[in-house]
C-alpha atoms as a PDB file:
ATOM      1  CA  MET A   1      13.272 -26.048   2.112  1.00  0.00           C
ATOM      2  CA  GLN A   2      12.055 -23.693   4.827  1.00  0.00           C
ATOM      3  CA  LYS A   3       9.340 -21.263   3.761  1.00  0.00           C
ATOM      4  CA  LYS A   4      10.115 -17.561   3.551  1.00  0.00           C
ATOM      5  CA  ARG A   5       7.771 -15.418   5.636  1.00  0.00           C
ATOM      6  CA  VAL A   6       6.305 -12.027   4.714  1.00  0.00           C
ATOM      7  CA  LYS A   7       4.487  -9.804   7.221  1.00  0.00           C
ATOM      8  CA  MET A   8       1.747  -7.679   5.621  1.00  0.00           C
ATOM      9  CA  ILE A   9       1.115  -4.661   7.853  1.00  0.00           C
ATOM     10  CA  PHE A  10      -2.347  -3.096   7.547  1.00  0.00           C
ATOM     11  CA  PRO A  11      -2.005   0.421   9.030  1.00  0.00           C
ATOM     12  CA  VAL A  12      -4.966   0.190  11.453  1.00  0.00           C
ATOM     13  CA  PRO A  13      -6.349  -2.543  13.732  1.00  0.00           C
ATOM     14  CA  MET A  14      -8.324  -5.344  12.077  1.00  0.00           C
ATOM     15  CA  SER A  15     -11.507  -6.828  13.514  1.00  0.00           C
ATOM     16  CA  GLU A  16     -12.697 -10.362  12.869  1.00  0.00           C
ATOM     17  CA  ALA A  17     -15.032  -8.913  10.240  1.00  0.00           C
ATOM     18  CA  THR A  18     -12.318  -6.841   8.569  1.00  0.00           C
ATOM     19  CA  ARG A  19      -9.581  -9.469   8.477  1.00  0.00           C
ATOM     20  CA  PRO A  20     -10.992 -11.677   5.677  1.00  0.00           C
ATOM     21  CA  LEU A  21     -11.719  -8.591   3.554  1.00  0.00           C
ATOM     22  CA  VAL A  22      -8.128  -7.371   3.915  1.00  0.00           C
ATOM     23  CA  GLU A  23      -6.613 -10.820   3.419  1.00  0.00           C
ATOM     24  CA  SER A  24      -8.651 -11.326   0.240  1.00  0.00           C
ATOM     25  CA  GLN A  25      -6.187  -8.977  -1.482  1.00  0.00           C
ATOM     26  CA  LEU A  26      -3.989 -12.047  -1.886  1.00  0.00           C
ATOM     27  CA  PRO A  27      -6.188 -14.962  -2.994  1.00  0.00           C
ATOM     28  CA  PRO A  28      -4.650 -18.455  -3.234  1.00  0.00           C
ATOM     29  CA  GLY A  29      -3.785 -18.004  -6.905  1.00  0.00           C
ATOM     30  CA  ILE A  30      -1.609 -14.981  -6.072  1.00  0.00           C
ATOM     31  CA  GLN A  31       0.347 -16.564  -3.233  1.00  0.00           C
ATOM     32  CA  ARG A  32       3.123 -19.116  -3.643  1.00  0.00           C
ATOM     33  CA  PRO A  33       3.368 -22.299  -1.559  1.00  0.00           C
ATOM     34  CA  ASP A  34       6.979 -21.534  -0.628  1.00  0.00           C
ATOM     35  CA  ILE A  35       6.131 -18.156   0.947  1.00  0.00           C
ATOM     36  CA  GLU A  36       4.018 -17.767   4.068  1.00  0.00           C
ATOM     37  CA  VAL A  37       2.059 -14.509   4.390  1.00  0.00           C
ATOM     38  CA  ALA A  38       0.782 -13.155   7.710  1.00  0.00           C
ATOM     39  CA  PHE A  39      -1.475 -10.098   7.880  1.00  0.00           C
ATOM     40  CA  VAL A  40      -1.424  -7.935  10.985  1.00  0.00           C
ATOM     41  CA  GLY A  41      -3.395  -4.836  11.910  1.00  0.00           C
ATOM     42  CA  ALA A  42      -1.143  -2.114  13.302  1.00  0.00           C
ATOM     43  CA  GLY A  43      -1.690  -0.114  16.466  1.00  0.00           C
ATOM     44  CA  SER A  44      -4.826   0.203  18.542  1.00  0.00           C
ATOM     45  CA  THR A  45      -6.469   3.261  16.988  1.00  0.00           C
ATOM     46  CA  ILE A  46      -8.668   3.377  13.885  1.00  0.00           C
ATOM     47  CA  THR A  47      -7.628   6.239  11.610  1.00  0.00           C
ATOM     48  CA  LEU A  48      -8.756   7.236   8.129  1.00  0.00           C
ATOM     49  CA  ALA A  49      -5.593   9.139   7.170  1.00  0.00           C
ATOM     50  CA  ASP A  50      -7.837  12.181   6.787  1.00  0.00           C
ATOM     51  CA  SER A  51      -5.266  14.600   8.199  1.00  0.00           C
ATOM     52  CA  TYR A  52      -1.563  15.007   8.891  1.00  0.00           C
ATOM     53  CA  TYR A  53      -2.387  14.154  12.510  1.00  0.00           C
ATOM     54  CA  ASP A  54      -3.816  10.773  11.498  1.00  0.00           C
ATOM     55  CA  MET A  55      -0.881  10.177   9.162  1.00  0.00           C
ATOM     56  CA  ALA A  56       1.502  10.548  12.114  1.00  0.00           C
ATOM     57  CA  LEU A  57      -0.479   7.980  14.128  1.00  0.00           C
ATOM     58  CA  MET A  58      -0.354   5.536  11.219  1.00  0.00           C
ATOM     59  CA  GLU A  59       3.386   6.072  10.864  1.00  0.00           C
ATOM     60  CA  LEU A  60       3.996   5.145  14.503  1.00  0.00           C
ATOM     61  CA  SER A  61       1.701   2.107  14.348  1.00  0.00           C
ATOM     62  CA  VAL A  62       3.358   0.706  11.222  1.00  0.00           C
ATOM     63  CA  ILE A  63       6.872   1.224  12.605  1.00  0.00           C
ATOM     64  CA  GLN A  64       5.895  -0.617  15.768  1.00  0.00           C
ATOM     65  CA  ALA A  65       4.513  -3.559  13.793  1.00  0.00           C
ATOM     66  CA  GLY A  66       7.577  -3.618  11.539  1.00  0.00           C
ATOM     67  CA  LEU A  67       9.969  -3.825  14.488  1.00  0.00           C
ATOM     68  CA  GLN A  68       8.002  -6.792  15.824  1.00  0.00           C
ATOM     69  CA  ALA A  69       8.061  -8.501  12.406  1.00  0.00           C
ATOM     70  CA  GLU A  70      11.844  -8.678  12.250  1.00  0.00           C
ATOM     71  CA  ALA A  71      12.017  -9.765  15.900  1.00  0.00           C
ATOM     72  CA  GLU A  72       9.586 -12.585  15.063  1.00  0.00           C
ATOM     73  CA  GLY A  73      11.856 -13.844  12.288  1.00  0.00           C
ATOM     74  CA  PHE A  74      10.007 -12.650   9.186  1.00  0.00           C
ATOM     75  CA  ASP A  75      12.045 -12.377   5.998  1.00  0.00           C
ATOM     76  CA  ALA A  76      10.337  -9.284   4.557  1.00  0.00           C
ATOM     77  CA  VAL A  77       7.865  -6.585   5.515  1.00  0.00           C
ATOM     78  CA  CYS A  78       5.156  -5.352   3.164  1.00  0.00           C
ATOM     79  CA  ILE A  79       3.407  -2.172   4.317  1.00  0.00           C
ATOM     80  CA  ASN A  80      -0.233  -2.440   3.269  1.00  0.00           C
ATOM     81  CA  THR A  81      -1.138   1.205   2.667  1.00  0.00           C
ATOM     82  CA  VAL A  82      -0.545   3.473  -0.333  1.00  0.00           C
ATOM     83  CA  SER A  83       0.528   6.189   2.113  1.00  0.00           C
ATOM     84  CA  ASP A  84       3.729   4.119   2.542  1.00  0.00           C
ATOM     85  CA  SER A  85       3.560   4.939   6.249  1.00  0.00           C
ATOM     86  CA  GLY A  86       6.773   4.096   8.090  1.00  0.00           C
ATOM     87  CA  LEU A  87       8.646   3.030   4.943  1.00  0.00           C
ATOM     88  CA  ALA A  88      11.805   5.114   5.336  1.00  0.00           C
ATOM     89  CA  ALA A  89      12.028   4.572   9.102  1.00  0.00           C
ATOM     90  CA  LEU A  90      11.684   0.799   8.801  1.00  0.00           C
ATOM     91  CA  ARG A  91      14.234   0.632   6.006  1.00  0.00           C
ATOM     92  CA  SER A  92      16.618   2.511   8.269  1.00  0.00           C
ATOM     93  CA  ARG A  93      15.998   0.245  11.242  1.00  0.00           C
ATOM     94  CA  LEU A  94      15.521  -3.201   9.661  1.00  0.00           C
ATOM     95  CA  SER A  95      17.919  -5.478   7.801  1.00  0.00           C
ATOM     96  CA  ILE A  96      15.163  -7.299   5.894  1.00  0.00           C
ATOM     97  CA  PRO A  97      13.438  -5.963   2.740  1.00  0.00           C
ATOM     98  CA  VAL A  98      10.666  -3.425   3.336  1.00  0.00           C
ATOM     99  CA  LEU A  99       8.277  -2.767   0.434  1.00  0.00           C
ATOM    100  CA  SER A 100       5.197  -0.568   0.143  1.00  0.00           C
ATOM    101  CA  PRO A 101       2.273  -0.138  -2.272  1.00  0.00           C
ATOM    102  CA  GLY A 102       2.607   3.524  -3.205  1.00  0.00           C
ATOM    103  CA  GLN A 103       6.253   3.452  -4.195  1.00  0.00           C
ATOM    104  CA  SER A 104       5.892   0.063  -5.880  1.00  0.00           C
ATOM    105  CA  ALA A 105       2.752   0.831  -7.897  1.00  0.00           C
ATOM    106  CA  PHE A 106       3.786   4.350  -8.931  1.00  0.00           C
ATOM    107  CA  HIS A 107       7.130   3.155 -10.286  1.00  0.00           C
ATOM    108  CA  LEU A 108       5.550   0.200 -12.053  1.00  0.00           C
ATOM    109  CA  ALA A 109       2.946   2.518 -13.606  1.00  0.00           C
ATOM    110  CA  ALA A 110       5.749   4.749 -14.872  1.00  0.00           C
ATOM    111  CA  MET A 111       7.309   1.681 -16.529  1.00  0.00           C
ATOM    112  CA  MET A 112       4.050   0.667 -18.183  1.00  0.00           C
ATOM    113  CA  GLY A 113       3.043   3.988 -19.730  1.00  0.00           C
ATOM    114  CA  HIS A 114       3.912   7.640 -20.196  1.00  0.00           C
ATOM    115  CA  LYS A 115       1.425   9.051 -17.666  1.00  0.00           C
ATOM    116  CA  PHE A 116      -0.608   7.460 -14.890  1.00  0.00           C
ATOM    117  CA  SER A 117      -3.585   8.609 -12.843  1.00  0.00           C
ATOM    118  CA  ILE A 118      -4.419   7.753  -9.251  1.00  0.00           C
ATOM    119  CA  LEU A 119      -8.024   6.772  -8.619  1.00  0.00           C
ATOM    120  CA  THR A 120      -9.067   7.530  -5.052  1.00  0.00           C
ATOM    121  CA  MET A 121     -12.057   7.493  -2.723  1.00  0.00           C
ATOM    122  CA  TRP A 122     -11.850  11.014  -1.358  1.00  0.00           C
ATOM    123  CA  GLU A 123      -9.941  14.259  -1.637  1.00  0.00           C
ATOM    124  CA  ARG A 124      -8.564  14.130   1.907  1.00  0.00           C
ATOM    125  CA  TRP A 125      -6.057  11.495   0.783  1.00  0.00           C
ATOM    126  CA  LEU A 126      -4.473  13.776  -1.827  1.00  0.00           C
ATOM    127  CA  PRO A 127      -1.631  14.970   0.484  1.00  0.00           C
ATOM    128  CA  LEU A 128      -0.526  11.342   0.868  1.00  0.00           C
ATOM    129  CA  TYR A 129      -0.086  10.909  -2.881  1.00  0.00           C
ATOM    130  CA  ARG A 130       1.545  14.290  -3.421  1.00  0.00           C
ATOM    131  CA  LYS A 131       4.078  13.618  -0.665  1.00  0.00           C
ATOM    132  CA  GLY A 132       5.008  10.225  -2.121  1.00  0.00           C
ATOM    133  CA  LEU A 133       5.193  11.392  -5.723  1.00  0.00           C
ATOM    134  CA  LYS A 134       7.470  14.277  -4.755  1.00  0.00           C
ATOM    135  CA  GLU A 135       9.782  12.036  -2.720  1.00  0.00           C
ATOM    136  CA  TYR A 136       9.987   9.460  -5.531  1.00  0.00           C
ATOM    137  CA  GLY A 137      10.572  12.051  -8.261  1.00  0.00           C
ATOM    138  CA  LEU A 138       7.502  10.971 -10.217  1.00  0.00           C
ATOM    139  CA  GLU A 139       5.458  14.167 -10.269  1.00  0.00           C
ATOM    140  CA  SER A 140       6.103  14.630 -13.991  1.00  0.00           C
ATOM    141  CA  ARG A 141       4.635  11.184 -14.711  1.00  0.00           C
ATOM    142  CA  LEU A 142       1.309  11.916 -13.017  1.00  0.00           C
ATOM    143  CA  ALA A 143      -1.595  12.694 -15.334  1.00  0.00           C
ATOM    144  CA  SER A 144      -4.093  13.365 -12.543  1.00  0.00           C
ATOM    145  CA  ILE A 145      -5.632  12.307  -9.272  1.00  0.00           C
ATOM    146  CA  ARG A 146      -9.353  11.609  -9.611  1.00  0.00           C
ATOM    147  CA  SER A 147     -11.553  11.306  -6.510  1.00  0.00           C
ATOM    148  CA  ILE A 148     -15.113   9.970  -6.303  1.00  0.00           C
ATOM    149  CA  GLU A 149     -15.696  11.584  -2.875  1.00  0.00           C
ATOM    150  CA  VAL A 150     -17.038   8.534  -1.043  1.00  0.00           C
ATOM    151  CA  ARG A 151     -15.944   8.405   2.596  1.00  0.00           C
ATOM    152  CA  PRO A 152     -13.928   5.186   3.133  1.00  0.00           C
ATOM    153  CA  ASP A 153     -15.007   2.518   5.597  1.00  0.00           C
ATOM    154  CA  THR A 154     -12.156   0.752   7.401  1.00  0.00           C
ATOM    155  CA  GLU A 155     -14.486  -2.035   8.558  1.00  0.00           C
ATOM    156  CA  ALA A 156     -16.509  -2.950   5.448  1.00  0.00           C
ATOM    157  CA  LEU A 157     -14.029  -1.615   2.842  1.00  0.00           C
ATOM    158  CA  LEU A 158     -16.091  -1.591  -0.385  1.00  0.00           C
ATOM    159  CA  ALA A 159     -18.394  -4.490   0.530  1.00  0.00           C
ATOM    160  CA  GLY A 160     -22.023  -3.538   0.067  1.00  0.00           C
ATOM    161  CA  LYS A 161     -21.163  -0.491  -1.993  1.00  0.00           C
ATOM    162  CA  GLU A 162     -20.210  -2.225  -5.232  1.00  0.00           C
ATOM    163  CA  ASP A 163     -23.163  -1.019  -7.330  1.00  0.00           C
ATOM    164  CA  VAL A 164     -22.511   2.631  -6.543  1.00  0.00           C
ATOM    165  CA  VAL A 165     -18.763   2.809  -5.932  1.00  0.00           C
ATOM    166  CA  PHE A 166     -17.588   0.650  -8.836  1.00  0.00           C
ATOM    167  CA  ALA A 167     -19.565   2.708 -11.360  1.00  0.00           C
ATOM    168  CA  ARG A 168     -18.218   5.962  -9.944  1.00  0.00           C
ATOM    169  CA  LEU A 169     -14.674   4.635 -10.052  1.00  0.00           C
ATOM    170  CA  GLU A 170     -15.097   3.583 -13.664  1.00  0.00           C
ATOM    171  CA  ALA A 171     -16.498   6.995 -14.613  1.00  0.00           C
ATOM    172  CA  ALA A 172     -13.612   8.793 -12.887  1.00  0.00           C
ATOM    173  CA  ALA A 173     -11.057   6.490 -14.505  1.00  0.00           C
ATOM    174  CA  ARG A 174     -12.500   7.147 -17.950  1.00  0.00           C
ATOM    175  CA  LEU A 175     -12.183  10.896 -17.373  1.00  0.00           C
ATOM    176  CA  ALA A 176      -8.563  10.358 -16.322  1.00  0.00           C
ATOM    177  CA  ILE A 177      -7.910   8.445 -19.546  1.00  0.00           C
ATOM    178  CA  GLU A 178      -9.904  10.593 -21.975  1.00  0.00           C
ATOM    179  CA  GLU A 179      -9.349  14.076 -20.510  1.00  0.00           C
ATOM    180  CA  ASP A 180      -6.130  13.843 -18.474  1.00  0.00           C
ATOM    181  CA  GLY A 181      -4.087  11.587 -20.754  1.00  0.00           C
ATOM    182  CA  ALA A 182      -3.585   8.662 -18.368  1.00  0.00           C
ATOM    183  CA  ASP A 183      -2.453   5.414 -19.952  1.00  0.00           C
ATOM    184  CA  VAL A 184      -2.222   3.526 -16.635  1.00  0.00           C
ATOM    185  CA  ILE A 185      -4.577   3.687 -13.618  1.00  0.00           C
ATOM    186  CA  VAL A 186      -3.388   3.108 -10.040  1.00  0.00           C
ATOM    187  CA  LEU A 187      -5.901   2.389  -7.281  1.00  0.00           C
ATOM    188  CA  GLY A 188      -5.303   4.931  -4.528  1.00  0.00           C
ATOM    189  CA  SER A 189      -5.756   2.590  -1.570  1.00  0.00           C
ATOM    190  CA  THR A 190      -5.283  -1.062  -0.719  1.00  0.00           C
ATOM    191  CA  THR A 191      -8.808  -0.873   0.758  1.00  0.00           C
ATOM    192  CA  MET A 192     -10.090  -0.420  -2.824  1.00  0.00           C
ATOM    193  CA  HIS A 193      -8.762  -3.795  -3.981  1.00  0.00           C
ATOM    194  CA  GLN A 194     -12.257  -5.283  -4.363  1.00  0.00           C
ATOM    195  CA  SER A 195     -12.824  -2.980  -7.360  1.00  0.00           C
ATOM    196  CA  HIS A 196      -9.684  -4.044  -9.238  1.00  0.00           C
ATOM    197  CA  ALA A 197     -10.991  -6.968 -11.291  1.00  0.00           C
ATOM    198  CA  TRP A 198     -14.174  -5.091 -12.174  1.00  0.00           C
ATOM    199  CA  LEU A 199     -12.242  -2.054 -13.413  1.00  0.00           C
ATOM    200  CA  ALA A 200      -9.525  -4.061 -15.166  1.00  0.00           C
ATOM    201  CA  GLU A 201     -12.183  -5.827 -17.269  1.00  0.00           C
ATOM    202  CA  ARG A 202     -13.808  -2.571 -18.368  1.00  0.00           C
ATOM    203  CA  LEU A 203     -11.039  -0.027 -18.857  1.00  0.00           C
ATOM    204  CA  PRO A 204      -8.840   0.213 -21.972  1.00  0.00           C
ATOM    205  CA  VAL A 205      -5.607   0.703 -19.970  1.00  0.00           C
ATOM    206  CA  PRO A 206      -3.819  -1.333 -17.269  1.00  0.00           C
ATOM    207  CA  VAL A 207      -5.158  -0.997 -13.715  1.00  0.00           C
ATOM    208  CA  LEU A 208      -2.707  -1.592 -10.869  1.00  0.00           C
ATOM    209  CA  ASN A 209      -3.753  -3.057  -7.526  1.00  0.00           C
ATOM    210  CA  PRO A 210      -1.038  -1.554  -5.276  1.00  0.00           C
ATOM    211  CA  GLY A 211      -1.119  -4.089  -2.435  1.00  0.00           C
ATOM    212  CA  VAL A 212      -0.590  -6.977  -4.839  1.00  0.00           C
ATOM    213  CA  VAL A 213       2.183  -5.117  -6.679  1.00  0.00           C
ATOM    214  CA  ALA A 214       4.047  -4.494  -3.415  1.00  0.00           C
ATOM    215  CA  TYR A 215       3.656  -8.109  -2.310  1.00  0.00           C
ATOM    216  CA  LYS A 216       4.941  -9.439  -5.642  1.00  0.00           C
ATOM    217  CA  LEU A 217       7.964  -7.165  -5.315  1.00  0.00           C
ATOM    218  CA  CYS A 218       8.564  -8.752  -1.898  1.00  0.00           C
ATOM    219  CA  GLU A 219       8.706 -12.106  -3.666  1.00  0.00           C
ATOM    220  CA  LEU A 220      11.154 -10.689  -6.218  1.00  0.00           C
ATOM    221  CA  PHE A 221      13.420  -9.254  -3.521  1.00  0.00           C
ATOM    222  CA  LEU A 222      13.435 -12.570  -1.656  1.00  0.00           C
ATOM    223  CA  ASP A 223      14.077 -14.582  -4.832  1.00  0.00           C
ATOM    224  CA  LEU A 224      17.024 -12.397  -5.846  1.00  0.00           C
ATOM    225  CA  GLY A 225      18.411 -11.835  -2.363  1.00  0.00           C
ATOM    226  CA  LEU A 226      17.882  -8.074  -2.618  1.00  0.00           C
ATOM    227  CA  CYS A 227      17.376  -5.486   0.092  1.00  0.00           C
ATOM    228  CA  HIS A 228      17.216  -1.701   0.261  1.00  0.00           C
ATOM    229  CA  SER A 229      20.501   0.216   0.252  1.00  0.00           C
ATOM    230  CA  LYS A 230      21.870   0.978   3.668  1.00  0.00           C
ATOM    231  CA  LYS A 231      23.706   3.927   2.160  1.00  0.00           C
ATOM    232  CA  ALA A 232      20.320   5.408   1.282  1.00  0.00           C
ATOM    233  CA  TYR A 233      18.721   4.277   4.569  1.00  0.00           C
ATOM    234  CA  PRO A 234      21.546   4.203   7.139  1.00  0.00           C
ATOM    235  CA  SER A 235      20.980   2.367  10.403  1.00  0.00           C
ATOM    236  CA  PRO A 236      20.720   4.444  13.601  1.00  0.00           C
ATOM    237  CA  GLU A 237      23.846   4.713  15.738  1.00  0.00           C
ATOM    238  CA  SER A 238      21.848   3.579  18.776  1.00  0.00           C
ATOM    239  CA  LEU A 239      18.504   1.808  19.040  1.00  0.00           C
ATOM    240  CA  LYS A 240      15.525   3.523  20.666  1.00  0.00           C
ATOM    241  CA  ASP A 241      12.903   0.870  19.932  1.00  0.00           C
ATOM    242  CA  GLY A 242      11.176   1.419  23.262  1.00  0.00           C
ATOM    243  CA  ALA A 243       9.827   4.729  21.978  1.00  0.00           C
ATOM    244  CA  PHE A 244       7.956   2.872  19.226  1.00  0.00           C
ATOM    245  CA  LEU A 245       7.103  -0.345  21.027  1.00  0.00           C
ATOM    246  CA  ALA A 246       5.185   1.651  23.616  1.00  0.00           C
ATOM    247  CA  GLY A 247       2.666   2.264  20.813  1.00  0.00           C
ATOM    248  CA  PRO A 248       0.936   5.467  19.683  1.00  0.00           C
END
């Protein structure tokens, strides 16, 4: 049986140092032998999603990488950012499943408890979450967004910061649980995945690692032969891929 192939699109370029850190989101025990996963860094510009300007650049980069994924014969696309950059556009353009961490983790959190909190690195990412929650109709299920105000590092992710960052994340999560009423915690970025096991062992509620959740939903869609609704995401009347393939 031929393997299914999933393209994981990280929203910024990856260096040789960054690649193993990003790919470690999906250790061997998470992946299945019948599904091949390929990570790709999108675009040519490093952004931190610290503004609406950066969000637009990420959107273009992810769309470009998604168009290439279907052309290369991949069976599904998994966007590897909780901003869900390019999700709606790629669902409109592509005929293969397109999944993303924000939508996937927020809906799963709503299934697992009454209220969930998003645990994030810094306040500048709040517009990303608010936009997604509003679009997905989940604002009423949000207990809070708690930030530890540590500037993210797209090269080292959390490596080297474990002693400080993990403790701050735990403290913020406990406030979300004890003061805000959260009964599920969602990590606010796929770049925070290194903290997941540490937090999951110490907190009294489930902790969701959004990149893994989105990938596992890709597996589910492929297993069941599912894809997004083309009534919800209609295809364009004419293709203008050149506008995206030129890159941001």
